[in-house]
Amino acid sequence: MSDTTTVLHCPKCNEVGHVDRFKDLNIFVRMECPKCNFRWKTLSKRCKKCFKPNGFAVEGYCSSCYSEMYR
């Protein structure tokens, strides 16, 4: 997976979605539209430190790097 493109807006109605659940070892996040209830799977963002998928739909650190930084 080279560049991570996270789709935060509903592909059906363009409303900003929210995370429904995490999937596939933090590579994918399932999103849901609060307006039309459409669900889609999108890639998670990359960790700022190790550049692996962080498991979230927002910028930040993965749980491993976060734990190392704040022991």
Protein backbone atom coordinates (compact mmCIF):
# COMPACT_ATOMS: atom_id res chain seq x y z
CA MET A 1 0.00 0.00 0.00
CA SER A 2 1.77 3.13 -1.14
CA ASP A 3 -0.25 6.28 -0.43
CA THR A 4 -3.21 6.17 1.91
CA THR A 5 -6.40 7.81 0.70
CA THR A 6 -9.05 7.99 3.39
CA VAL A 7 -12.59 8.69 2.20
CA LEU A 8 -14.29 10.67 4.97
CA HIS A 9 -17.31 11.89 2.95
CA CYS A 10 -20.15 9.59 1.92
CA PRO A 11 -19.72 8.45 -1.70
CA LYS A 12 -23.51 8.54 -2.09
CA CYS A 13 -24.56 11.94 -0.63
CA ASN A 14 -21.23 13.64 0.30
CA GLU A 15 -22.12 14.02 4.02
CA VAL A 16 -19.21 13.63 6.46
CA GLY A 17 -19.27 10.09 7.80
CA HIS A 18 -18.26 8.61 11.14
CA VAL A 19 -16.34 5.45 12.02
CA ASP A 20 -18.65 2.47 12.35
CA ARG A 21 -15.96 -0.08 13.22
CA PHE A 22 -12.35 -1.03 12.63
CA LYS A 23 -11.51 -3.82 10.19
CA ASP A 24 -8.70 -5.96 8.79
CA LEU A 25 -5.80 -5.44 11.21
CA ASN A 26 -6.05 -1.63 11.25
CA ILE A 27 -5.62 -1.27 7.48
CA PHE A 28 -9.30 -0.51 6.86
CA VAL A 29 -11.92 1.44 8.76
CA ARG A 30 -15.65 1.03 8.10
CA MET A 31 -17.46 4.35 7.84
CA GLU A 32 -21.18 5.14 8.03
CA CYS A 33 -23.12 8.16 6.81
CA PRO A 34 -25.38 9.71 9.49
CA LYS A 35 -27.64 11.18 6.79
CA CYS A 36 -28.37 8.27 4.41
CA ASN A 37 -26.93 5.32 6.46
CA PHE A 38 -24.68 4.25 3.58
CA ARG A 39 -21.62 2.28 4.74
CA TRP A 40 -18.23 2.10 3.06
CA LYS A 41 -14.80 0.74 3.80
CA THR A 42 -11.85 3.11 3.59
CA LEU A 43 -8.13 2.96 4.26
CA SER A 44 -6.95 4.17 7.63
CA LYS A 45 -4.44 7.02 7.97
CA ARG A 46 -0.73 6.28 8.43
CA CYS A 47 1.18 6.60 11.70
CA LYS A 48 3.26 9.78 11.93
CA LYS A 49 6.22 7.84 13.32
CA CYS A 50 6.41 4.38 11.67
CA PHE A 51 4.22 5.15 8.61
CA LYS A 52 2.19 1.93 9.00
CA PRO A 53 -1.64 2.18 8.97
CA ASN A 54 -2.71 3.62 12.34
CA GLY A 55 -6.19 2.05 12.37
CA PHE A 56 -8.05 5.36 12.50
CA ALA A 57 -9.71 7.71 10.04
CA VAL A 58 -7.77 10.69 11.47
CA GLU A 59 -4.10 11.69 11.62
CA GLY A 60 -2.12 10.36 14.56
CA TYR A 61 0.07 7.57 15.88
CA CYS A 62 -0.57 3.83 15.83
CA SER A 63 -1.10 2.21 19.22
CA SER A 64 2.43 0.73 19.27
CA CYS A 65 4.20 4.05 18.65
CA TYR A 66 1.87 5.87 21.03
CA SER A 67 2.66 3.35 23.77
CA GLU A 68 6.40 3.75 23.19
CA MET A 69 6.20 7.53 23.40
CA TYR A 70 4.09 7.65 26.59
CA ARG A 71 5.42 4.82 28.77
